Each structure stands twice: as structure tokens, then as C-alpha cells.
């Protein structure tokens, strides 16, 4: 049952985000951009990220909806952002990394730093 739930959550998150196929470069923008580096061969290790993103989706719907998912096959972005571990999640603004979370971490270790960075943009609008 837990595996079934993980598969459904994975499908939900990944289907609402960008496709795994060759993506255009991440555009430089004044807005904060969430980039999720995923390894489709090890989705089970990403469950805490999916849980965190689902929880944050209600509070930051635009940011989560505009999140870019980058597959492990897209080496240019892994190199550009010096990603060494799957999964990884970045918040980038004007090509500068504001927050970087890598590896197997708990949901709270993802939510807290993301909220800190995302809330600073919400309060400045």
C-alpha cells in the first residue's frame, strides 16, 4: 500500500511539473525558481521531497506549479549547479543559488529552508 501511495504521489508531482524530456535551459528571471533534480531510477529515495512539495503546494502554489524537474540525463544542469547527489532541490534567482538541499533528508529538513526563502519573496511583493 505504501509503495502504491508513493507511485501515485510521484505521478502527481511529476505530471504537474515539466517533462523529463529534453528541456530548454532554465530561464534567468527575477522570480525565484525551484529546480528539482531527480533520478527516475530511484524514485523511492525522493519520497520526502514529494511529501514536502505537496505540503508547500497549498502555501506557494505558483512556485510549486512552476517548478522545473530535471532528470539525471540532463548533465549540463547538473554540472552548471554542481549537483553531486540525487535527489537535489534548488531555489535559484537570476542564476544565483539561494538554497540547495541534497540527498536523503527528512521532510522538515526540506520544508523549513524552502519556506524561509519562498516567504521572503512573498513578503517583498
C-alpha atoms as a PDB file:
ATOM      1  CA  UNK A   1       0.000   0.000   0.000  1.00  0.00           C
ATOM      2  CA  UNK A   2       2.828   2.399   0.864  1.00  0.00           C
ATOM      3  CA  UNK A   3       4.509   1.702  -2.492  1.00  0.00           C
ATOM      4  CA  UNK A   4       1.201   2.342  -4.261  1.00  0.00           C
ATOM      5  CA  UNK A   5       0.834   5.695  -2.480  1.00  0.00           C
ATOM      6  CA  UNK A   6       4.413   6.635  -3.381  1.00  0.00           C
ATOM      7  CA  UNK A   7       3.771   5.844  -7.038  1.00  0.00           C
ATOM      8  CA  UNK A   8       0.604   7.945  -7.073  1.00  0.00           C
ATOM      9  CA  UNK A   9       2.338  10.868  -5.348  1.00  0.00           C
ATOM     10  CA  UNK A  10       5.257  10.588  -7.755  1.00  0.00           C
ATOM     11  CA  UNK A  11       2.917  10.630 -10.716  1.00  0.00           C
ATOM     12  CA  UNK A  12       1.036  13.632  -9.300  1.00  0.00           C
ATOM     13  CA  UNK A  13       4.167  15.679  -8.664  1.00  0.00           C
ATOM     14  CA  UNK A  14       5.919  14.755 -11.874  1.00  0.00           C
ATOM     15  CA  UNK A  15       2.866  15.168 -14.085  1.00  0.00           C
ATOM     16  CA  UNK A  16       2.204  18.647 -12.720  1.00  0.00           C
ATOM     17  CA  UNK A  17       5.768  19.691 -13.414  1.00  0.00           C
ATOM     18  CA  UNK A  18       7.888  19.845 -16.516  1.00  0.00           C
ATOM     19  CA  UNK A  19       8.516  16.768 -18.573  1.00  0.00           C
ATOM     20  CA  UNK A  20      11.665  14.680 -18.206  1.00  0.00           C
ATOM     21  CA  UNK A  21      12.391  15.032 -21.927  1.00  0.00           C
ATOM     22  CA  UNK A  22      14.986  17.480 -23.148  1.00  0.00           C
ATOM     23  CA  UNK A  23      14.092  20.776 -21.584  1.00  0.00           C
ATOM     24  CA  UNK A  24      15.077  24.234 -22.623  1.00  0.00           C
ATOM     25  CA  UNK A  25      17.579  25.926 -20.336  1.00  0.00           C
ATOM     26  CA  UNK A  26      16.230  27.376 -17.107  1.00  0.00           C
ATOM     27  CA  UNK A  27      15.395  30.983 -17.995  1.00  0.00           C
ATOM     28  CA  UNK A  28      17.035  33.708 -15.980  1.00  0.00           C
ATOM     29  CA  UNK A  29      14.315  35.665 -14.262  1.00  0.00           C
ATOM     30  CA  UNK A  30      13.826  37.989 -11.335  1.00  0.00           C
ATOM     31  CA  UNK A  31      11.432  35.423  -9.853  1.00  0.00           C
ATOM     32  CA  UNK A  32      12.633  32.606  -7.627  1.00  0.00           C
ATOM     33  CA  UNK A  33      12.685  29.296  -9.482  1.00  0.00           C
ATOM     34  CA  UNK A  34      12.534  25.852  -7.860  1.00  0.00           C
ATOM     35  CA  UNK A  35      14.592  23.215  -9.659  1.00  0.00           C
ATOM     36  CA  UNK A  36      14.234  19.573  -8.618  1.00  0.00           C
ATOM     37  CA  UNK A  37      16.981  17.188  -9.746  1.00  0.00           C
ATOM     38  CA  UNK A  38      15.530  13.704  -9.914  1.00  0.00           C
ATOM     39  CA  UNK A  39      16.834  10.227 -10.640  1.00  0.00           C
ATOM     40  CA  UNK A  40      13.931   8.341 -12.192  1.00  0.00           C
ATOM     41  CA  UNK A  41      15.658   5.041 -11.415  1.00  0.00           C
ATOM     42  CA  UNK A  42      15.487   5.754  -7.657  1.00  0.00           C
ATOM     43  CA  UNK A  43      12.149   7.483  -7.094  1.00  0.00           C
ATOM     44  CA  UNK A  44      11.761   5.705  -3.764  1.00  0.00           C
ATOM     45  CA  UNK A  45      14.573   7.862  -2.331  1.00  0.00           C
ATOM     46  CA  UNK A  46      12.668  11.011  -3.250  1.00  0.00           C
ATOM     47  CA  UNK A  47       9.533  10.449  -1.153  1.00  0.00           C
ATOM     48  CA  UNK A  48      10.436  13.048   1.495  1.00  0.00           C
ATOM     49  CA  UNK A  49      10.855  15.633  -1.278  1.00  0.00           C
ATOM     50  CA  UNK A  50       7.430  14.776  -2.726  1.00  0.00           C
ATOM     51  CA  UNK A  51       5.856  14.979   0.734  1.00  0.00           C
ATOM     52  CA  UNK A  52       7.465  18.374   1.359  1.00  0.00           C
ATOM     53  CA  UNK A  53       6.445  19.733  -2.042  1.00  0.00           C
ATOM     54  CA  UNK A  54       2.870  18.552  -1.582  1.00  0.00           C
ATOM     55  CA  UNK A  55       2.717  20.281   1.791  1.00  0.00           C
ATOM     56  CA  UNK A  56       4.172  23.509   0.381  1.00  0.00           C
ATOM     57  CA  UNK A  57       1.901  23.464  -2.679  1.00  0.00           C
ATOM     58  CA  UNK A  58      -1.014  24.991  -0.714  1.00  0.00           C
ATOM     59  CA  UNK A  59       1.080  27.864   0.630  1.00  0.00           C
ATOM     60  CA  UNK A  60       3.142  28.522  -2.532  1.00  0.00           C
ATOM     61  CA  UNK A  61       1.014  27.233  -5.434  1.00  0.00           C
ATOM     62  CA  UNK A  62       2.641  29.341  -8.152  1.00  0.00           C
ATOM     63  CA  UNK A  63       6.201  28.493  -7.174  1.00  0.00           C
ATOM     64  CA  UNK A  64       5.460  24.756  -6.955  1.00  0.00           C
ATOM     65  CA  UNK A  65       3.478  24.771 -10.207  1.00  0.00           C
ATOM     66  CA  UNK A  66       6.389  26.477 -11.998  1.00  0.00           C
ATOM     67  CA  UNK A  67       8.969  24.089 -10.557  1.00  0.00           C
ATOM     68  CA  UNK A  68      11.305  22.537 -13.109  1.00  0.00           C
ATOM     69  CA  UNK A  69      12.105  18.837 -12.814  1.00  0.00           C
ATOM     70  CA  UNK A  70      15.469  17.862 -14.261  1.00  0.00           C
ATOM     71  CA  UNK A  71      16.236  14.225 -14.977  1.00  0.00           C
ATOM     72  CA  UNK A  72      19.572  12.591 -14.281  1.00  0.00           C
ATOM     73  CA  UNK A  73      20.138  12.505 -18.046  1.00  0.00           C
ATOM     74  CA  UNK A  74      20.452  16.288 -18.302  1.00  0.00           C
ATOM     75  CA  UNK A  75      24.146  16.558 -17.437  1.00  0.00           C
ATOM     76  CA  UNK A  76      24.535  20.220 -18.374  1.00  0.00           C
ATOM     77  CA  UNK A  77      22.356  21.447 -15.499  1.00  0.00           C
ATOM     78  CA  UNK A  78      23.908  19.014 -13.040  1.00  0.00           C
ATOM     79  CA  UNK A  79      27.293  20.440 -13.971  1.00  0.00           C
ATOM     80  CA  UNK A  80      26.135  24.057 -14.000  1.00  0.00           C
ATOM     81  CA  UNK A  81      24.705  23.830 -10.473  1.00  0.00           C
ATOM     82  CA  UNK A  82      27.348  21.388  -9.166  1.00  0.00           C
ATOM     83  CA  UNK A  83      24.827  18.689  -8.270  1.00  0.00           C
ATOM     84  CA  UNK A  84      26.547  15.588  -6.944  1.00  0.00           C
ATOM     85  CA  UNK A  85      23.711  13.783  -5.144  1.00  0.00           C
ATOM     86  CA  UNK A  86      20.225  12.605  -6.061  1.00  0.00           C
ATOM     87  CA  UNK A  87      17.744  13.938  -5.237  1.00  0.00           C
ATOM     88  CA  UNK A  88      18.543  17.622  -5.009  1.00  0.00           C
ATOM     89  CA  UNK A  89      16.392  20.697  -4.867  1.00  0.00           C
ATOM     90  CA  UNK A  90      17.480  24.269  -5.559  1.00  0.00           C
ATOM     91  CA  UNK A  91      15.912  27.666  -5.390  1.00  0.00           C
ATOM     92  CA  UNK A  92      17.556  29.892  -7.974  1.00  0.00           C
ATOM     93  CA  UNK A  93      17.095  33.570  -8.699  1.00  0.00           C
ATOM     94  CA  UNK A  94      18.906  35.357 -11.528  1.00  0.00           C
ATOM     95  CA  UNK A  95      21.150  32.289 -11.942  1.00  0.00           C
ATOM     96  CA  UNK A  96      22.247  32.501  -8.287  1.00  0.00           C
ATOM     97  CA  UNK A  97      21.541  29.558  -5.958  1.00  0.00           C
ATOM     98  CA  UNK A  98      19.648  30.828  -2.899  1.00  0.00           C
ATOM     99  CA  UNK A  99      19.030  27.420  -1.309  1.00  0.00           C
ATOM    100  CA  UNK A 100      20.365  23.939  -2.031  1.00  0.00           C
ATOM    101  CA  UNK A 101      19.115  20.720  -0.452  1.00  0.00           C
ATOM    102  CA  UNK A 102      20.769  17.449  -1.424  1.00  0.00           C
ATOM    103  CA  UNK A 103      20.459  13.768  -0.660  1.00  0.00           C
ATOM    104  CA  UNK A 104      18.192  11.768   1.615  1.00  0.00           C
ATOM    105  CA  UNK A 105      16.816  14.195   4.182  1.00  0.00           C
ATOM    106  CA  UNK A 106      13.634  14.371   6.251  1.00  0.00           C
ATOM    107  CA  UNK A 107      10.602  16.293   5.049  1.00  0.00           C
ATOM    108  CA  UNK A 108      11.126  19.002   7.703  1.00  0.00           C
ATOM    109  CA  UNK A 109      14.726  19.485   6.541  1.00  0.00           C
ATOM    110  CA  UNK A 110      13.262  20.382   3.156  1.00  0.00           C
ATOM    111  CA  UNK A 111      10.233  22.427   4.213  1.00  0.00           C
ATOM    112  CA  UNK A 112      11.928  24.793   6.656  1.00  0.00           C
ATOM    113  CA  UNK A 113      14.663  26.152   4.364  1.00  0.00           C
ATOM    114  CA  UNK A 114      12.295  26.332   1.381  1.00  0.00           C
ATOM    115  CA  UNK A 115       9.703  28.266   3.404  1.00  0.00           C
ATOM    116  CA  UNK A 116      12.400  30.667   4.616  1.00  0.00           C
ATOM    117  CA  UNK A 117      13.463  31.501   1.061  1.00  0.00           C
ATOM    118  CA  UNK A 118       9.994  31.469  -0.519  1.00  0.00           C
ATOM    119  CA  UNK A 119       8.380  33.523   2.241  1.00  0.00           C
ATOM    120  CA  UNK A 120      10.997  36.234   1.809  1.00  0.00           C
ATOM    121  CA  UNK A 121       9.782  36.688  -1.778  1.00  0.00           C
ATOM    122  CA  UNK A 122       6.121  36.692  -0.729  1.00  0.00           C
ATOM    123  CA  UNK A 123       6.689  39.389   1.867  1.00  0.00           C
ATOM    124  CA  UNK A 124       8.649  41.591  -0.540  1.00  0.00           C
ATOM    125  CA  UNK A 125       5.837  41.700  -3.135  1.00  0.00           C
END
